N, C-alpha and C. Protein backbone atom coordinates (compact mmCIF):
# COMPACT_ATOMS: atom_id res chain seq x y z
N HIS A 1 97.38 113.36 82.72
CA HIS A 1 98.62 113.10 82.20
C HIS A 1 98.84 113.89 81.24
N ASP A 2 98.05 114.07 80.04
CA ASP A 2 98.23 114.95 79.07
C ASP A 2 98.48 116.45 79.29
N ALA A 3 97.88 116.84 80.39
CA ALA A 3 97.97 118.04 80.53
C ALA A 3 99.62 118.55 81.18
N LEU A 4 99.93 117.14 82.06
CA LEU A 4 101.26 117.36 82.49
C LEU A 4 102.23 117.22 81.48
N CYS A 5 101.96 116.61 80.21
CA CYS A 5 102.79 116.42 79.28
C CYS A 5 103.24 117.88 78.45
N LEU A 6 101.82 118.47 78.58
CA LEU A 6 101.90 119.90 77.84
C LEU A 6 102.52 121.12 78.69
N GLN A 7 102.47 121.01 79.99
CA GLN A 7 102.64 122.02 80.58
C GLN A 7 103.43 121.63 82.30
N SER A 8 104.34 120.88 81.98
CA SER A 8 104.94 119.99 83.07
C SER A 8 106.00 120.99 84.25
N ASN A 9 105.82 122.68 83.93
CA ASN A 9 106.14 123.38 84.79
C ASN A 9 105.34 124.12 85.67
N TYR A 10 104.01 123.59 85.77
CA TYR A 10 102.85 123.63 86.98
C TYR A 10 102.86 123.02 88.00
N ALA A 11 103.32 123.24 88.85
CA ALA A 11 103.32 122.78 90.30
C ALA A 11 101.74 122.08 90.90
N CYS A 12 100.97 122.79 90.22
CA CYS A 12 99.53 122.44 90.92
C CYS A 12 98.99 121.32 90.03
N LEU A 13 99.40 121.09 88.69
CA LEU A 13 99.25 119.96 88.01
C LEU A 13 99.91 118.66 88.47
N TRP A 14 101.04 118.62 89.21
CA TRP A 14 102.03 117.47 89.73
C TRP A 14 101.15 117.31 90.96
N LYS A 15 100.72 118.00 91.51
CA LYS A 15 100.00 117.68 92.66
C LYS A 15 98.65 116.95 92.45
N LYS A 16 97.98 117.43 91.49
CA LYS A 16 96.53 116.75 90.96
C LYS A 16 96.69 115.57 90.51
N TYR A 17 97.94 115.39 90.03
CA TYR A 17 98.18 113.87 89.44
C TYR A 17 98.41 113.14 90.74
N GLY A 18 99.28 113.80 91.47
CA GLY A 18 99.47 112.90 92.79
C GLY A 18 98.68 112.48 93.59
N ASP A 19 97.66 113.49 93.36
CA ASP A 19 96.32 112.98 94.43
C ASP A 19 95.42 112.00 93.61
N ALA A 20 95.52 112.10 92.24
CA ALA A 20 94.60 111.23 91.63
C ALA A 20 95.18 109.51 92.04
N CYS A 21 96.68 109.61 91.73
CA CYS A 21 97.16 108.25 92.02
C CYS A 21 97.16 107.75 93.63
N MET A 22 96.64 108.78 94.43
CA MET A 22 96.47 108.19 95.87
C MET A 22 95.04 107.76 96.25
N LEU A 23 94.24 108.12 95.39
CA LEU A 23 92.68 107.93 95.50
C LEU A 23 92.26 106.70 95.75
N LEU A 24 93.29 105.38 95.37
CA LEU A 24 92.97 104.18 95.48
C LEU A 24 93.48 103.24 96.49
N HIS A 25 94.29 103.97 97.50
CA HIS A 25 94.91 103.70 98.28
C HIS A 25 94.17 102.71 99.46
N PRO A 26 92.53 103.06 99.71
CA PRO A 26 91.90 102.44 100.41
C PRO A 26 91.42 101.14 99.89
N ILE A 27 91.66 100.84 98.51
CA ILE A 27 91.06 99.54 97.74
C ILE A 27 92.33 98.18 97.96
N ASN A 28 91.55 97.26 98.06
CA ASN A 28 92.34 96.28 98.26
C ASN A 28 93.36 96.03 96.79
N ASP A 29 94.41 96.06 97.06
CA ASP A 29 95.30 95.81 95.97
C ASP A 29 94.83 94.93 94.76
N GLU A 30 94.32 93.66 95.44
CA GLU A 30 93.99 92.86 94.36
C GLU A 30 93.02 93.11 93.28
N LEU A 31 92.30 94.14 93.73
CA LEU A 31 91.39 94.74 93.03
C LEU A 31 91.84 96.11 91.79
N ILE A 32 93.10 96.57 92.25
CA ILE A 32 93.61 97.56 91.31
C ILE A 32 94.85 97.21 90.49
N ASN A 33 94.51 97.40 88.92
CA ASN A 33 95.58 97.28 88.16
C ASN A 33 95.03 98.19 87.01
N ILE A 34 95.86 99.44 86.95
CA ILE A 34 95.64 100.44 86.25
C ILE A 34 96.22 100.72 84.99
N ARG A 35 96.27 100.96 84.01
CA ARG A 35 96.87 100.85 82.44
C ARG A 35 97.20 102.89 82.21
N LEU A 36 98.26 103.09 82.28
CA LEU A 36 98.34 104.35 82.38
C LEU A 36 99.48 104.57 80.96
N PRO A 37 99.40 105.61 80.39
CA PRO A 37 100.63 105.76 79.53
C PRO A 37 101.83 106.31 80.38
N SER A 38 102.94 106.18 79.77
CA SER A 38 104.37 106.12 80.50
C SER A 38 104.64 107.90 80.43
N PHE A 39 105.37 108.01 81.21
CA PHE A 39 105.77 109.45 81.43
C PHE A 39 107.24 109.64 80.62
N THR A 40 108.07 109.33 81.36
CA THR A 40 109.71 109.15 80.65
C THR A 40 110.26 107.79 81.42
N GLU A 41 111.31 107.55 80.91
CA GLU A 41 112.22 106.46 81.24
C GLU A 41 112.28 106.61 82.85
N LYS A 42 113.07 107.67 83.15
CA LYS A 42 113.07 108.26 84.43
C LYS A 42 112.02 107.88 85.74
N PHE A 43 110.92 108.59 84.90
CA PHE A 43 109.53 108.45 85.93
C PHE A 43 109.13 107.03 86.06
N ASP A 44 109.13 106.50 85.20
CA ASP A 44 108.69 105.03 84.95
C ASP A 44 109.56 103.91 84.86
N GLU A 45 110.85 104.09 85.73
CA GLU A 45 111.82 103.29 85.49
C GLU A 45 111.44 101.57 86.00
N ASN A 46 112.11 100.71 85.57
CA ASN A 46 111.44 99.57 85.89
C ASN A 46 110.31 98.97 85.37
N LYS A 47 109.51 99.77 84.75
CA LYS A 47 108.17 99.70 84.36
C LYS A 47 107.82 98.62 82.74
N ILE A 48 107.45 97.47 82.81
CA ILE A 48 107.36 97.23 81.25
C ILE A 48 106.06 97.56 80.39
N LYS A 49 106.62 98.26 79.42
CA LYS A 49 105.42 98.70 78.59
C LYS A 49 104.68 97.88 77.73
N ASP A 50 103.63 97.96 77.35
CA ASP A 50 102.65 97.09 76.13
C ASP A 50 103.01 97.61 75.08
N ALA A 51 102.64 97.20 73.85
CA ALA A 51 102.92 97.59 72.71
C ALA A 51 102.25 99.04 72.36
N ASP A 52 101.14 99.39 73.00
CA ASP A 52 101.03 100.81 72.85
C ASP A 52 101.74 101.99 73.77
N GLY A 53 102.89 101.49 74.55
CA GLY A 53 103.56 102.25 75.09
C GLY A 53 103.12 102.49 76.82
N TYR A 54 102.11 101.77 77.29
CA TYR A 54 101.26 101.58 78.44
C TYR A 54 101.75 101.28 79.35
N ILE A 55 101.60 101.27 80.51
CA ILE A 55 102.27 100.50 81.65
C ILE A 55 101.15 100.12 82.78
N ARG A 56 101.12 99.05 83.33
CA ARG A 56 100.18 98.30 84.31
C ARG A 56 100.72 98.83 85.93
N LEU A 57 99.63 99.51 86.55
CA LEU A 57 100.61 99.75 87.64
C LEU A 57 99.21 98.98 89.06
N LYS A 58 100.02 98.78 90.02
CA LYS A 58 99.28 98.36 91.19
C LYS A 58 99.29 99.24 92.15
N LYS A 59 98.64 98.93 93.24
CA LYS A 59 98.44 100.17 94.40
C LYS A 59 99.86 100.71 94.71
N PHE A 60 100.82 99.64 95.09
CA PHE A 60 102.03 100.52 95.38
C PHE A 60 102.59 101.28 94.47
N ASP A 61 102.75 100.82 93.10
CA ASP A 61 103.09 101.27 91.94
C ASP A 61 102.48 102.96 91.92
N LEU A 62 100.99 103.13 92.24
CA LEU A 62 100.57 104.40 92.28
C LEU A 62 100.68 105.31 93.25
N LEU A 63 101.32 104.43 94.43
CA LEU A 63 101.91 105.62 95.60
C LEU A 63 103.03 105.59 95.15
N GLN A 64 103.87 105.06 94.60
CA GLN A 64 105.14 105.34 94.28
C GLN A 64 105.05 106.50 93.20
N ARG A 65 104.21 106.43 92.58
CA ARG A 65 104.02 107.58 91.09
C ARG A 65 103.58 109.10 92.03
N ALA A 66 102.69 108.57 93.10
CA ALA A 66 102.21 109.66 93.87
C ALA A 66 103.14 110.67 94.41
N GLN A 67 104.17 109.84 95.30
CA GLN A 67 105.26 110.51 96.00
C GLN A 67 105.96 111.19 94.64
N LYS A 68 106.47 110.58 93.47
CA LYS A 68 107.31 111.22 92.77
C LYS A 68 106.64 112.62 92.20
N CYS A 69 105.30 112.90 92.05
CA CYS A 69 104.36 113.68 91.32
C CYS A 69 104.32 114.72 92.81
N PHE A 70 104.25 114.51 94.20
CA PHE A 70 104.47 115.60 94.98
C PHE A 70 105.85 116.21 94.92
N MET A 71 106.84 115.28 94.71
CA MET A 71 107.99 115.77 94.99
C MET A 71 108.44 116.59 93.70
N GLN A 72 107.86 116.41 92.56
CA GLN A 72 107.87 117.23 91.59
C GLN A 72 107.43 118.68 91.67
N ALA A 73 106.20 118.54 92.15
CA ALA A 73 105.59 120.06 92.89
C ALA A 73 106.32 120.76 93.73
N ILE A 74 106.88 120.26 94.39
CA ILE A 74 107.72 120.68 95.35
C ILE A 74 109.14 121.33 94.83
N ARG A 75 109.59 120.39 93.76
CA ARG A 75 110.77 120.89 93.29
C ARG A 75 110.37 122.61 92.44
N LEU A 76 109.10 122.25 92.02
CA LEU A 76 108.60 123.65 91.40
C LEU A 76 108.22 124.73 92.59
N LYS A 77 107.80 124.45 93.79
CA LYS A 77 107.29 125.19 94.37
C LYS A 77 107.41 124.69 95.78
N SER A 78 108.77 125.17 96.35
CA SER A 78 109.03 124.32 97.41
C SER A 78 108.74 125.17 98.73
N ARG A 79 107.86 126.09 98.87
CA ARG A 79 107.27 127.05 99.95
C ARG A 79 106.02 126.72 100.19
N SER A 80 105.43 125.63 99.65
CA SER A 80 104.02 125.21 99.92
C SER A 80 104.00 123.85 100.73
N SER A 81 103.33 124.34 102.05
CA SER A 81 103.04 123.44 102.91
C SER A 81 102.17 122.42 102.50
N VAL A 82 101.18 122.88 101.42
CA VAL A 82 100.09 121.76 100.88
C VAL A 82 101.19 120.59 100.46
N TYR A 83 101.61 120.89 99.48
CA TYR A 83 102.66 120.18 98.65
C TYR A 83 103.53 119.27 99.50
N TRP A 84 104.02 119.77 100.69
CA TRP A 84 104.82 118.98 101.53
C TRP A 84 103.93 118.07 102.38
N SER A 85 102.77 118.23 102.74
CA SER A 85 101.70 117.35 103.57
C SER A 85 101.25 116.59 102.75
N CYS A 86 101.20 116.69 101.37
CA CYS A 86 100.48 115.48 100.77
C CYS A 86 101.83 114.61 100.62
N LEU A 87 102.93 115.11 100.18
CA LEU A 87 104.06 114.37 100.17
C LEU A 87 104.15 113.29 101.61
N ALA A 88 103.90 114.08 102.41
CA ALA A 88 104.21 113.28 103.93
C ALA A 88 103.37 112.03 104.11
N GLN A 89 101.82 112.67 103.71
CA GLN A 89 100.81 111.71 103.89
C GLN A 89 101.23 110.36 102.85
N CYS A 90 101.60 110.84 101.75
CA CYS A 90 101.95 109.56 100.56
C CYS A 90 102.83 108.55 101.24
N VAL A 91 104.04 109.10 101.84
CA VAL A 91 104.92 108.41 102.50
C VAL A 91 104.58 107.43 103.78
N TYR A 92 103.86 108.08 104.38
CA TYR A 92 103.07 107.67 105.53
C TYR A 92 102.18 106.36 105.08
N ILE A 93 101.40 106.43 104.02
CA ILE A 93 100.66 105.17 103.74
C ILE A 93 101.58 103.99 102.92
N GLN A 94 102.75 104.66 102.43
CA GLN A 94 103.76 103.72 101.77
C GLN A 94 104.19 102.98 102.82
N ALA A 95 104.36 103.54 103.98
CA ALA A 95 105.35 102.84 104.94
C ALA A 95 103.71 101.96 105.87
N ARG A 96 102.74 102.32 105.91
CA ARG A 96 101.50 101.23 106.61
C ARG A 96 101.59 100.14 105.50
N TYR A 97 101.76 100.54 104.16
CA TYR A 97 101.52 99.03 103.35
C TYR A 97 102.76 98.29 103.36
N HIS A 98 103.88 99.04 103.69
CA HIS A 98 104.97 97.92 103.84
C HIS A 98 105.37 97.71 105.44
N SER A 99 104.64 97.23 105.80
CA SER A 99 104.29 96.83 107.53
C SER A 99 105.19 97.56 108.37
N ASN A 100 104.70 99.01 108.38
CA ASN A 100 105.38 100.09 109.35
C ASN A 100 106.52 100.24 108.92
N ASP A 101 107.35 100.42 107.91
CA ASP A 101 108.62 100.54 107.77
C ASP A 101 109.19 101.89 108.29
N GLU A 102 110.03 101.47 109.29
CA GLU A 102 110.41 102.56 110.14
C GLU A 102 111.11 103.85 109.36
N ARG A 103 111.82 103.75 108.41
CA ARG A 103 112.75 104.34 107.84
C ARG A 103 111.49 105.50 107.05
N MET A 104 110.33 104.67 106.49
CA MET A 104 109.41 105.62 105.83
C MET A 104 108.63 106.55 106.95
N LEU A 105 108.44 106.11 108.08
CA LEU A 105 107.73 106.84 108.73
C LEU A 105 108.49 107.91 109.65
N LEU A 106 109.60 107.85 109.47
CA LEU A 106 110.50 109.01 109.92
C LEU A 106 110.65 110.12 108.59
N LEU A 107 110.75 109.33 107.60
CA LEU A 107 110.91 110.33 106.46
C LEU A 107 109.68 110.97 106.40
N SER A 108 108.29 110.48 106.68
CA SER A 108 107.00 111.23 106.51
C SER A 108 107.05 112.25 107.77
N PHE A 109 107.68 111.84 108.90
CA PHE A 109 107.46 112.49 110.08
C PHE A 109 108.10 113.71 109.62
N GLU A 110 109.42 113.69 109.04
CA GLU A 110 110.30 114.90 108.69
C GLU A 110 109.68 115.81 107.18
N TYR A 111 108.94 115.14 106.78
CA TYR A 111 108.27 115.89 105.48
C TYR A 111 107.13 116.73 106.12
N MET A 112 106.28 116.16 107.10
CA MET A 112 105.30 116.72 107.62
C MET A 112 105.85 118.08 108.54
N LYS A 113 107.21 117.87 109.36
CA LYS A 113 107.73 118.90 109.93
C LYS A 113 107.86 120.50 109.13
N VAL A 114 108.28 119.82 107.72
CA VAL A 114 108.74 120.84 107.11
C VAL A 114 107.41 121.54 106.62
N ALA A 115 106.42 121.06 106.28
CA ALA A 115 104.92 121.58 106.12
C ALA A 115 104.67 122.52 106.88
N LEU A 116 104.83 121.96 108.44
CA LEU A 116 104.48 122.80 109.67
C LEU A 116 105.48 123.94 109.49
N SER A 117 106.77 123.93 109.50
CA SER A 117 107.78 125.02 109.27
C SER A 117 107.13 126.27 108.35
N LEU A 118 106.30 125.65 107.47
CA LEU A 118 105.96 126.66 106.33
C LEU A 118 104.59 127.33 106.69
N LYS A 119 103.66 126.51 107.72
CA LYS A 119 102.80 127.38 107.98
C LYS A 119 102.37 126.45 109.52
N PRO A 120 102.90 127.36 110.58
CA PRO A 120 102.77 126.95 111.69
C PRO A 120 101.54 126.78 112.41
N THR A 121 100.85 127.72 112.02
CA THR A 121 99.34 127.88 112.64
C THR A 121 98.13 126.66 111.98
N ASN A 122 98.80 126.00 111.11
CA ASN A 122 97.51 124.85 110.72
C ASN A 122 97.58 124.00 111.65
N TYR A 123 96.33 124.13 112.15
CA TYR A 123 96.02 122.85 113.06
C TYR A 123 95.91 121.40 112.37
N LEU A 124 95.38 121.09 111.23
CA LEU A 124 95.64 120.14 110.47
C LEU A 124 96.62 119.52 110.18
N LEU A 125 97.86 120.01 110.19
CA LEU A 125 99.19 120.04 109.99
C LEU A 125 99.60 119.38 111.25
N TRP A 126 99.24 119.81 112.34
CA TRP A 126 99.63 119.80 113.69
C TRP A 126 98.97 118.41 114.00
N ASN A 127 97.85 118.08 113.59
CA ASN A 127 97.01 116.84 113.83
C ASN A 127 97.39 115.45 113.09
N ALA A 128 97.80 115.93 111.83
CA ALA A 128 98.68 115.23 111.28
C ALA A 128 99.96 114.51 111.32
N LEU A 129 100.85 115.79 112.13
CA LEU A 129 101.96 115.15 112.76
C LEU A 129 101.63 114.57 113.77
N GLY A 130 100.92 114.82 114.34
CA GLY A 130 100.70 113.70 115.71
C GLY A 130 100.21 112.29 115.36
N VAL A 131 99.48 111.93 114.40
CA VAL A 131 99.18 110.80 113.77
C VAL A 131 100.35 110.13 113.56
N ILE A 132 101.14 110.78 112.89
CA ILE A 132 102.29 110.09 112.32
C ILE A 132 103.37 109.82 113.69
N ALA A 133 103.56 110.96 114.43
CA ALA A 133 104.36 110.42 115.81
C ALA A 133 103.73 109.18 116.20
N ALA A 134 102.48 109.59 116.55
CA ALA A 134 101.74 108.38 117.69
C ALA A 134 101.74 106.89 116.80
N HIS A 135 102.13 106.42 115.49
CA HIS A 135 101.79 105.45 115.02
C HIS A 135 102.74 104.28 115.68
N PRO A 136 102.09 103.24 115.70
CA PRO A 136 102.77 102.21 116.57
C PRO A 136 104.05 101.83 115.52
N GLY A 137 105.11 101.40 116.34
CA GLY A 137 106.47 101.07 115.74
C GLY A 137 107.10 102.18 115.06
N ARG A 138 106.55 103.26 115.44
CA ARG A 138 107.17 104.82 114.91
C ARG A 138 108.83 105.15 115.35
N PHE A 139 108.72 104.60 116.84
CA PHE A 139 110.06 104.76 117.59
C PHE A 139 110.41 103.73 118.27
N LYS A 140 110.75 102.51 117.33
CA LYS A 140 111.10 101.36 117.69
C LYS A 140 112.78 101.51 118.40
N LYS A 141 113.36 102.46 118.04
CA LYS A 141 114.74 102.60 118.53
C LYS A 141 114.85 103.91 119.11
N LYS A 142 113.95 104.47 119.84
CA LYS A 142 113.68 105.49 120.67
C LYS A 142 114.34 106.64 119.84
N HIS A 143 113.69 106.99 119.10
CA HIS A 143 114.30 108.29 118.27
C HIS A 143 113.64 109.54 119.27
N GLU A 144 114.34 110.34 119.11
CA GLU A 144 113.81 111.72 119.61
C GLU A 144 112.71 112.48 118.81
N ILE A 145 111.92 112.78 119.41
CA ILE A 145 110.86 113.59 118.78
C ILE A 145 111.43 115.30 118.85
N SER A 146 111.74 115.72 117.74
CA SER A 146 112.07 117.20 117.74
C SER A 146 111.51 118.34 116.75
N LEU A 147 110.87 118.94 117.37
CA LEU A 147 110.00 120.08 116.25
C LEU A 147 110.42 121.19 116.05
């Protein structure tokens, strides 16, 4: 957090902070209650601050924060397949958290396609795209898969 406050123009710092926010996603939500300093009003909208200016985050809050971090990294370095794939994975996890939200699954799929367009020979990205595409409920309305 402190590094981002000092050097917010480094995409790699945003990516690392997003990674840190994603670390707890496999843990039961009831066990997660993280207290972090607030960034900005825009970044932490609708979050209640305590007397010290800190906010409390649950699992979904951390996933949303990770998504914002990856999006900021992409704003700074849009041609990075790594940042796009991290964003896709983050949105995919959020979709699963929200009972397989189809809109988020589709968004995750689109983000992963962007990552693949930047690095089409990366087999890990192809594999991740396949996982998203094969997810149950992914094509409830018979969406076409276009690569």
